Protein backbone atom coordinates (compact mmCIF):
# COMPACT_ATOMS: atom_id res chain seq x y z
CA MET A 1 126.71 118.70 64.58
CA LYS A 2 130.30 119.54 63.66
CA GLN A 3 131.25 119.02 60.00
CA LEU A 4 133.38 115.99 59.19
CA ASP A 5 136.98 116.67 58.26
CA LYS A 6 138.54 115.12 55.13
CA GLU A 7 139.91 112.03 56.94
CA GLU A 8 136.66 111.38 58.79
CA GLN A 9 134.67 111.60 55.56
CA GLN A 10 137.17 109.37 53.75
CA LEU A 11 136.89 106.69 56.39
CA LEU A 12 133.11 106.95 56.65
CA ASP A 13 132.88 106.48 52.87
CA LEU A 14 134.84 103.21 53.18
CA LEU A 15 132.39 101.66 55.65
CA PRO A 16 129.71 99.39 54.22
CA LYS A 17 126.07 99.88 55.15
CA GLY A 18 124.80 96.92 57.14
CA ILE A 19 126.38 94.10 59.11
CA GLU A 20 126.52 91.51 56.30
CA ARG A 21 129.96 92.51 54.98
CA PRO A 22 131.81 94.53 57.62
CA ARG A 23 135.16 95.99 56.57
CA PRO A 24 138.08 94.66 58.65
CA LEU A 25 140.50 97.05 60.36
CA LYS A 26 143.39 95.60 58.31
CA GLU A 27 141.57 96.47 55.11
CA LEU A 28 140.83 100.02 56.31
CA VAL A 29 144.52 100.44 57.19
CA LYS A 30 145.54 99.18 53.75
CA LEU A 31 143.05 101.41 51.91
CA THR A 32 143.92 104.57 53.84
CA GLY A 33 147.62 104.05 54.51
CA TRP A 34 147.03 104.99 58.15
CA SER A 35 148.02 103.07 61.29
CA ASN A 36 145.61 100.84 63.24
CA ARG A 37 145.59 103.40 66.03
CA ARG A 38 144.75 106.27 63.69
CA VAL A 39 141.89 104.37 62.03
CA ARG A 40 140.44 103.37 65.40
CA GLY A 41 140.81 106.95 66.65
CA ILE A 42 138.94 108.36 63.66
CA ILE A 43 136.21 105.73 64.04
CA ASN A 44 135.91 106.74 67.69
CA ARG A 45 135.57 110.42 66.69
CA LEU A 46 132.94 109.55 64.10
CA ILE A 47 130.91 107.74 66.77
CA VAL A 48 131.44 109.98 69.80
CA ILE A 49 131.74 113.45 68.29
CA HIS A 50 129.71 113.10 65.09
CA HIS A 51 127.17 110.55 66.34
CA GLN A 52 127.63 108.26 63.35
CA PRO A 53 126.00 104.85 63.87
CA ILE A 54 129.11 102.73 63.36
CA GLY A 55 129.20 99.20 64.69
CA ALA A 56 131.86 96.55 64.86
CA ARG A 57 131.55 92.82 64.44
CA TYR A 58 134.13 90.75 66.28
CA GLU A 59 133.37 87.24 64.99
CA HIS A 60 135.98 85.76 62.68
CA PRO A 61 136.14 85.45 59.74
CA ASN A 62 133.41 88.07 59.14
CA ASN A 63 134.72 90.78 61.49
CA GLY A 64 135.05 94.50 60.87
CA TYR A 65 133.31 97.87 60.96
CA PHE A 66 130.00 98.79 59.36
CA ILE A 67 127.32 101.46 59.37
CA ILE A 68 124.36 100.37 61.48
CA THR A 69 121.15 100.45 59.44
CA ASN A 70 118.49 99.05 61.80
CA ASP A 71 117.73 98.23 65.44
CA LYS A 72 118.76 94.58 65.11
CA GLU A 73 122.21 95.63 63.92
CA ARG A 74 122.36 98.23 66.68
CA GLN A 75 121.71 95.52 69.30
CA GLN A 76 124.29 93.24 67.68
CA ALA A 77 126.86 96.06 67.84
CA LEU A 78 125.98 96.96 71.44
CA ALA A 79 126.06 93.40 72.87
CA PRO A 80 129.86 92.96 72.94
CA LEU A 81 130.34 96.53 74.19
CA THR A 82 127.98 96.10 77.13
CA SER A 83 129.57 92.74 77.93
CA GLN A 84 133.02 94.34 77.88
CA ILE A 85 131.82 97.18 80.11
CA THR A 86 130.48 94.65 82.63
CA MET A 87 133.73 92.66 82.64
CA MET A 88 135.87 95.80 82.97
CA SER A 89 133.70 97.07 85.81
CA LYS A 90 134.11 93.75 87.67
CA ARG A 91 137.86 93.86 87.08
CA ALA A 92 138.12 97.46 88.32
CA GLN A 93 136.09 96.59 91.42
CA ALA A 94 138.30 93.55 92.12
CA ILE A 95 141.45 95.67 91.82
CA ASN A 96 139.92 98.34 94.02
CA ASN A 97 139.01 95.77 96.69
CA ALA A 98 142.25 93.77 96.47
CA GLU A 99 144.38 93.83 99.57
CA LEU A 100 147.73 95.37 98.80
CA GLU A 101 150.88 93.64 99.99
CA VAL A 102 151.86 96.72 102.00
CA ASP A 103 148.46 96.74 103.73
CA TYR A 104 148.77 93.03 104.45
CA ARG A 105 152.23 93.49 105.98
CA MET A 106 150.93 96.36 108.14
CA LYS A 107 148.07 94.16 109.38
CA LEU A 108 150.52 91.38 110.24
CA ALA A 109 152.82 93.79 112.07
CA THR A 110 149.87 95.24 114.00
CA GLN A 111 148.66 91.75 114.93
CA LEU A 112 152.16 90.83 116.15
CA VAL A 113 152.30 93.93 118.36
CA VAL A 114 148.80 93.25 119.75
CA ASN A 115 149.67 89.59 120.39
CA LYS A 116 152.92 90.56 122.13
CA LYS A 117 151.08 92.97 124.39
CA ARG A 118 148.51 90.28 125.27
CA HIS A 119 151.18 87.72 126.10
CA SER A 120 153.30 90.12 128.14
CA ALA A 121 150.33 91.34 130.20
């Protein structure tokens, strides 16, 4: 596993162990002086590249990031992610299957030509 850089280690050190008191993004931004995007990017690197077991809790008022310490917390962290994946997959499929206005106009034009030929024959 690749060694953590200074920023990654700094952020990891700010995350509480366990889901009871997750640290909100706003608080991480305030403590580090970094932007929301930068904090989220470093968290993503910690999870994806360094395989750190970091979870997020999305329920207000007790939302934020935490270090997963057991299987129950792992399942709690995975549940919203798998739900989001399912919803995004459905959305992508709907967009993929949606009839485009250009396609619809072409179908109408083709039908008009076919109908004209039928009526003139």
